[in-house]
Amino acid sequence: MSVRSSPPWTSSRGFTLTEVMVVMILAGVVTLGLIGFYLNSQVMWTAASTQVLVQRDGTALLEMMRENTQAAAKATAVPVPEDPTNSLLIFFDASNTELNRFFWDPADTCVHYGIAGNLDQGKAISSKVEQFTATVDPVLGMVGVTLRLRSAAGQPVNLSTSIALYNRP
């Protein structure tokens, strides 16, 4: 009985160097794609989170104004001298006594809140406000407010509302 032997190159097992290199290159390409996807999703999540925080601040400011407006009989909006695109919004009772005010401060670019005896109670919200514009329609007894804020990631956040003066004479 004779045993047939095959040539040495046909009986070897394993991978060639070329096969290993092709697999390593493909694995590297897939890994780089996954890393890029992960980093991009983290950037998008951070940007969205900062935008939501600023939007929440803006909504809190508008809600604070709405609460203060319910007691007011009149309001007036005056452009801020340092930047006429921003406003000073003052609320009055029926006897023309100032109740409170909201105004944009150019020193810190935030909206501040004031009560009649103390004209500046400090920042109403901590977010930076690029524009705070108020308009008053004395005939309808409506106050219009437009806010433009900017998130830490640089996205603009625009909010606006109309508020009714319920205690008008």
C-alpha atoms as a PDB file:
ATOM      1  CA  MET A   1       0.000   0.000   0.000  1.00  0.00           C
ATOM      2  CA  SER A   2       1.417   3.163  -0.993  1.00  0.00           C
ATOM      3  CA  VAL A   3       0.530   6.495   0.566  1.00  0.00           C
ATOM      4  CA  ARG A   4       0.144   9.244  -1.823  1.00  0.00           C
ATOM      5  CA  SER A   5       1.600  12.479  -0.675  1.00  0.00           C
ATOM      6  CA  SER A   6       0.435  15.785  -1.958  1.00  0.00           C
ATOM      7  CA  PRO A   7       2.675  18.706  -2.709  1.00  0.00           C
ATOM      8  CA  PRO A   8       3.530  20.888   0.352  1.00  0.00           C
ATOM      9  CA  TRP A   9       1.613  23.955  -0.824  1.00  0.00           C
ATOM     10  CA  THR A  10      -1.725  22.140  -1.095  1.00  0.00           C
ATOM     11  CA  SER A  11      -1.646  20.585   2.348  1.00  0.00           C
ATOM     12  CA  SER A  12      -0.920  23.782   4.296  1.00  0.00           C
ATOM     13  CA  ARG A  13      -3.718  25.253   6.377  1.00  0.00           C
ATOM     14  CA  GLY A  14      -4.371  28.878   7.471  1.00  0.00           C
ATOM     15  CA  PHE A  15      -4.560  32.269   5.802  1.00  0.00           C
ATOM     16  CA  THR A  16      -2.174  33.921   3.487  1.00  0.00           C
ATOM     17  CA  LEU A  17      -0.698  37.291   4.315  1.00  0.00           C
ATOM     18  CA  THR A  18      -2.780  38.866   1.554  1.00  0.00           C
ATOM     19  CA  GLU A  19      -6.033  37.518   3.015  1.00  0.00           C
ATOM     20  CA  VAL A  20      -5.138  38.772   6.493  1.00  0.00           C
ATOM     21  CA  MET A  21      -4.268  42.238   5.140  1.00  0.00           C
ATOM     22  CA  VAL A  22      -7.555  42.488   3.189  1.00  0.00           C
ATOM     23  CA  VAL A  23      -9.573  41.547   6.295  1.00  0.00           C
ATOM     24  CA  MET A  24      -7.629  44.039   8.444  1.00  0.00           C
ATOM     25  CA  ILE A  25      -8.175  46.858   5.961  1.00  0.00           C
ATOM     26  CA  LEU A  26     -11.909  46.126   5.723  1.00  0.00           C
ATOM     27  CA  ALA A  27     -12.210  45.960   9.520  1.00  0.00           C
ATOM     28  CA  GLY A  28     -10.360  49.289   9.790  1.00  0.00           C
ATOM     29  CA  VAL A  29     -12.700  50.963   7.295  1.00  0.00           C
ATOM     30  CA  VAL A  30     -15.766  49.682   9.158  1.00  0.00           C
ATOM     31  CA  THR A  31     -14.306  50.784  12.515  1.00  0.00           C
ATOM     32  CA  LEU A  32     -13.537  54.290  11.220  1.00  0.00           C
ATOM     33  CA  GLY A  33     -17.092  54.558   9.879  1.00  0.00           C
ATOM     34  CA  LEU A  34     -18.551  53.558  13.243  1.00  0.00           C
ATOM     35  CA  ILE A  35     -16.328  56.003  15.117  1.00  0.00           C
ATOM     36  CA  GLY A  36     -17.337  58.817  12.745  1.00  0.00           C
ATOM     37  CA  PHE A  37     -21.016  57.970  13.188  1.00  0.00           C
ATOM     38  CA  TYR A  38     -20.654  57.909  16.980  1.00  0.00           C
ATOM     39  CA  LEU A  39     -18.802  61.245  17.154  1.00  0.00           C
ATOM     40  CA  ASN A  40     -21.305  62.907  14.812  1.00  0.00           C
ATOM     41  CA  SER A  41     -24.230  61.667  16.900  1.00  0.00           C
ATOM     42  CA  GLN A  42     -22.574  63.020  20.069  1.00  0.00           C
ATOM     43  CA  VAL A  43     -22.132  66.461  18.471  1.00  0.00           C
ATOM     44  CA  MET A  44     -25.769  66.483  17.337  1.00  0.00           C
ATOM     45  CA  TRP A  45     -26.993  65.394  20.783  1.00  0.00           C
ATOM     46  CA  THR A  46     -24.979  68.121  22.529  1.00  0.00           C
ATOM     47  CA  ALA A  47     -26.226  70.793  20.137  1.00  0.00           C
ATOM     48  CA  ALA A  48     -29.833  69.698  20.579  1.00  0.00           C
ATOM     49  CA  SER A  49     -29.476  69.587  24.367  1.00  0.00           C
ATOM     50  CA  THR A  50     -28.126  73.138  24.584  1.00  0.00           C
ATOM     51  CA  GLN A  51     -30.874  74.342  22.255  1.00  0.00           C
ATOM     52  CA  VAL A  52     -33.540  72.723  24.446  1.00  0.00           C
ATOM     53  CA  LEU A  53     -32.091  74.343  27.583  1.00  0.00           C
ATOM     54  CA  VAL A  54     -32.191  77.793  25.985  1.00  0.00           C
ATOM     55  CA  GLN A  55     -35.714  77.191  24.704  1.00  0.00           C
ATOM     56  CA  ARG A  56     -36.781  76.196  28.215  1.00  0.00           C
ATOM     57  CA  ASP A  57     -35.272  79.430  29.592  1.00  0.00           C
ATOM     58  CA  GLY A  58     -37.088  81.497  26.977  1.00  0.00           C
ATOM     59  CA  THR A  59     -40.383  79.784  27.740  1.00  0.00           C
ATOM     60  CA  ALA A  60     -39.853  80.405  31.473  1.00  0.00           C
ATOM     61  CA  LEU A  61     -39.287  84.112  30.764  1.00  0.00           C
ATOM     62  CA  LEU A  62     -42.463  84.359  28.677  1.00  0.00           C
ATOM     63  CA  GLU A  63     -44.410  82.546  31.409  1.00  0.00           C
ATOM     64  CA  MET A  64     -43.015  84.944  34.029  1.00  0.00           C
ATOM     65  CA  MET A  65     -44.180  87.875  31.888  1.00  0.00           C
ATOM     66  CA  ARG A  66     -47.612  86.322  31.459  1.00  0.00           C
ATOM     67  CA  GLU A  67     -48.018  85.905  35.218  1.00  0.00           C
ATOM     68  CA  ASN A  68     -47.038  89.539  35.816  1.00  0.00           C
ATOM     69  CA  THR A  69     -49.276  90.789  33.030  1.00  0.00           C
ATOM     70  CA  GLN A  70     -52.431  89.329  34.565  1.00  0.00           C
ATOM     71  CA  ALA A  71     -52.323  91.922  37.359  1.00  0.00           C
ATOM     72  CA  ALA A  72     -51.546  94.813  35.009  1.00  0.00           C
ATOM     73  CA  ALA A  73     -53.984  97.329  33.594  1.00  0.00           C
ATOM     74  CA  LYS A  74     -51.560  99.025  31.203  1.00  0.00           C
ATOM     75  CA  ALA A  75     -48.165  98.449  29.683  1.00  0.00           C
ATOM     76  CA  THR A  76     -45.635 100.468  27.776  1.00  0.00           C
ATOM     77  CA  ALA A  77     -42.716  99.392  25.630  1.00  0.00           C
ATOM     78  CA  VAL A  78     -39.733 101.699  25.164  1.00  0.00           C
ATOM     79  CA  PRO A  79     -36.622 101.011  23.041  1.00  0.00           C
ATOM     80  CA  VAL A  80     -33.414 100.553  25.053  1.00  0.00           C
ATOM     81  CA  PRO A  81     -31.173 103.594  24.345  1.00  0.00           C
ATOM     82  CA  GLU A  82     -28.021 101.483  23.898  1.00  0.00           C
ATOM     83  CA  ASP A  83     -29.713  99.202  21.350  1.00  0.00           C
ATOM     84  CA  PRO A  84     -33.083 100.300  19.909  1.00  0.00           C
ATOM     85  CA  THR A  85     -33.836  96.780  18.626  1.00  0.00           C
ATOM     86  CA  ASN A  86     -34.336  95.766  22.287  1.00  0.00           C
ATOM     87  CA  SER A  87     -37.061  96.964  24.620  1.00  0.00           C
ATOM     88  CA  LEU A  88     -37.939  98.033  28.123  1.00  0.00           C
ATOM     89  CA  LEU A  89     -41.385  96.677  28.998  1.00  0.00           C
ATOM     90  CA  ILE A  90     -43.158  98.271  31.981  1.00  0.00           C
ATOM     91  CA  PHE A  91     -46.457  97.109  33.499  1.00  0.00           C
ATOM     92  CA  PHE A  92     -48.782  99.475  35.429  1.00  0.00           C
ATOM     93  CA  ASP A  93     -51.877  99.019  37.571  1.00  0.00           C
ATOM     94  CA  ALA A  94     -55.129 100.954  37.053  1.00  0.00           C
ATOM     95  CA  SER A  95     -53.826 103.938  39.076  1.00  0.00           C
ATOM     96  CA  ASN A  96     -50.756 104.229  36.814  1.00  0.00           C
ATOM     97  CA  THR A  97     -48.388 102.873  39.477  1.00  0.00           C
ATOM     98  CA  GLU A  98     -45.563 100.766  38.111  1.00  0.00           C
ATOM     99  CA  LEU A  99     -45.920  97.094  39.020  1.00  0.00           C
ATOM    100  CA  ASN A 100     -42.864  95.585  37.355  1.00  0.00           C
ATOM    101  CA  ARG A 101     -40.620  95.766  34.331  1.00  0.00           C
ATOM    102  CA  PHE A 102     -38.598  93.568  32.013  1.00  0.00           C
ATOM    103  CA  PHE A 103     -35.639  94.948  30.132  1.00  0.00           C
ATOM    104  CA  TRP A 104     -32.634  93.872  28.108  1.00  0.00           C
ATOM    105  CA  ASP A 105     -29.343  94.810  29.746  1.00  0.00           C
ATOM    106  CA  PRO A 106     -26.502  95.467  27.265  1.00  0.00           C
ATOM    107  CA  ALA A 107     -23.865  94.792  29.946  1.00  0.00           C
ATOM    108  CA  ASP A 108     -24.632  91.074  30.140  1.00  0.00           C
ATOM    109  CA  THR A 109     -27.072  90.643  27.204  1.00  0.00           C
ATOM    110  CA  CYS A 110     -29.688  89.128  29.499  1.00  0.00           C
ATOM    111  CA  VAL A 111     -33.274  90.114  30.246  1.00  0.00           C
ATOM    112  CA  HIS A 112     -33.637  91.526  33.752  1.00  0.00           C
ATOM    113  CA  TYR A 113     -36.688  91.797  35.953  1.00  0.00           C
ATOM    114  CA  GLY A 114     -37.566  94.712  38.191  1.00  0.00           C
ATOM    115  CA  ILE A 115     -40.227  95.485  40.765  1.00  0.00           C
ATOM    116  CA  ALA A 116     -41.493  99.046  41.182  1.00  0.00           C
ATOM    117  CA  GLY A 117     -39.471  99.840  44.309  1.00  0.00           C
ATOM    118  CA  ASN A 118     -36.346  98.042  43.085  1.00  0.00           C
ATOM    119  CA  LEU A 119     -35.877  98.543  39.366  1.00  0.00           C
ATOM    120  CA  ASP A 120     -33.443  95.632  38.899  1.00  0.00           C
ATOM    121  CA  GLN A 121     -33.967  92.341  40.697  1.00  0.00           C
ATOM    122  CA  GLY A 122     -31.357  90.716  38.461  1.00  0.00           C
ATOM    123  CA  LYS A 123     -31.524  88.355  35.520  1.00  0.00           C
ATOM    124  CA  ALA A 124     -34.918  86.859  34.799  1.00  0.00           C
ATOM    125  CA  ILE A 125     -33.170  83.950  33.038  1.00  0.00           C
ATOM    126  CA  SER A 126     -29.535  82.976  32.703  1.00  0.00           C
ATOM    127  CA  SER A 127     -29.517  82.506  28.918  1.00  0.00           C
ATOM    128  CA  LYS A 128     -28.088  85.201  26.673  1.00  0.00           C
ATOM    129  CA  VAL A 129     -30.708  87.124  24.728  1.00  0.00           C
ATOM    130  CA  GLU A 130     -29.774  88.617  21.370  1.00  0.00           C
ATOM    131  CA  GLN A 131     -33.049  90.459  20.976  1.00  0.00           C
ATOM    132  CA  PHE A 132     -35.942  91.294  23.311  1.00  0.00           C
ATOM    133  CA  THR A 133     -38.641  93.237  21.490  1.00  0.00           C
ATOM    134  CA  ALA A 134     -41.938  94.220  23.052  1.00  0.00           C
ATOM    135  CA  THR A 135     -44.911  95.958  21.478  1.00  0.00           C
ATOM    136  CA  VAL A 136     -48.087  97.207  23.144  1.00  0.00           C
ATOM    137  CA  ASP A 137     -51.471  97.596  21.489  1.00  0.00           C
ATOM    138  CA  PRO A 138     -53.428  99.859  23.871  1.00  0.00           C
ATOM    139  CA  VAL A 139     -56.665  99.470  21.913  1.00  0.00           C
ATOM    140  CA  LEU A 140     -56.746  95.676  22.197  1.00  0.00           C
ATOM    141  CA  GLY A 141     -54.878  95.586  25.510  1.00  0.00           C
ATOM    142  CA  MET A 142     -52.282  93.179  24.127  1.00  0.00           C
ATOM    143  CA  VAL A 143     -48.561  92.939  24.707  1.00  0.00           C
ATOM    144  CA  GLY A 144     -46.470  91.237  22.025  1.00  0.00           C
ATOM    145  CA  VAL A 145     -43.063  89.851  22.955  1.00  0.00           C
ATOM    146  CA  THR A 146     -40.415  88.454  20.626  1.00  0.00           C
ATOM    147  CA  LEU A 147     -37.239  86.824  21.898  1.00  0.00           C
ATOM    148  CA  ARG A 148     -34.161  85.701  20.019  1.00  0.00           C
ATOM    149  CA  LEU A 149     -31.761  83.661  22.108  1.00  0.00           C
ATOM    150  CA  ARG A 150     -28.637  81.760  21.121  1.00  0.00           C
ATOM    151  CA  SER A 151     -27.608  78.404  22.542  1.00  0.00           C
ATOM    152  CA  ALA A 152     -24.085  77.615  23.707  1.00  0.00           C
ATOM    153  CA  ALA A 153     -23.614  75.592  20.523  1.00  0.00           C
ATOM    154  CA  GLY A 154     -24.619  78.618  18.415  1.00  0.00           C
ATOM    155  CA  GLN A 155     -28.131  77.675  17.284  1.00  0.00           C
ATOM    156  CA  PRO A 156     -30.686  80.495  17.307  1.00  0.00           C
ATOM    157  CA  VAL A 157     -33.876  80.030  19.315  1.00  0.00           C
ATOM    158  CA  ASN A 158     -36.795  82.309  18.435  1.00  0.00           C
ATOM    159  CA  LEU A 159     -39.871  82.635  20.642  1.00  0.00           C
ATOM    160  CA  SER A 160     -42.810  84.998  20.550  1.00  0.00           C
ATOM    161  CA  THR A 161     -46.138  85.419  22.265  1.00  0.00           C
ATOM    162  CA  SER A 162     -49.036  87.783  22.776  1.00  0.00           C
ATOM    163  CA  ILE A 163     -50.300  88.467  26.267  1.00  0.00           C
ATOM    164  CA  ALA A 164     -53.632  90.077  27.194  1.00  0.00           C
ATOM    165  CA  LEU A 165     -53.918  92.788  29.857  1.00  0.00           C
ATOM    166  CA  TYR A 166     -56.935  91.571  31.850  1.00  0.00           C
ATOM    167  CA  ASN A 167     -57.278  94.466  34.331  1.00  0.00           C
ATOM    168  CA  ARG A 168     -57.733  97.223  31.773  1.00  0.00           C
ATOM    169  CA  PRO A 169     -60.047 100.054  32.727  1.00  0.00           C
END
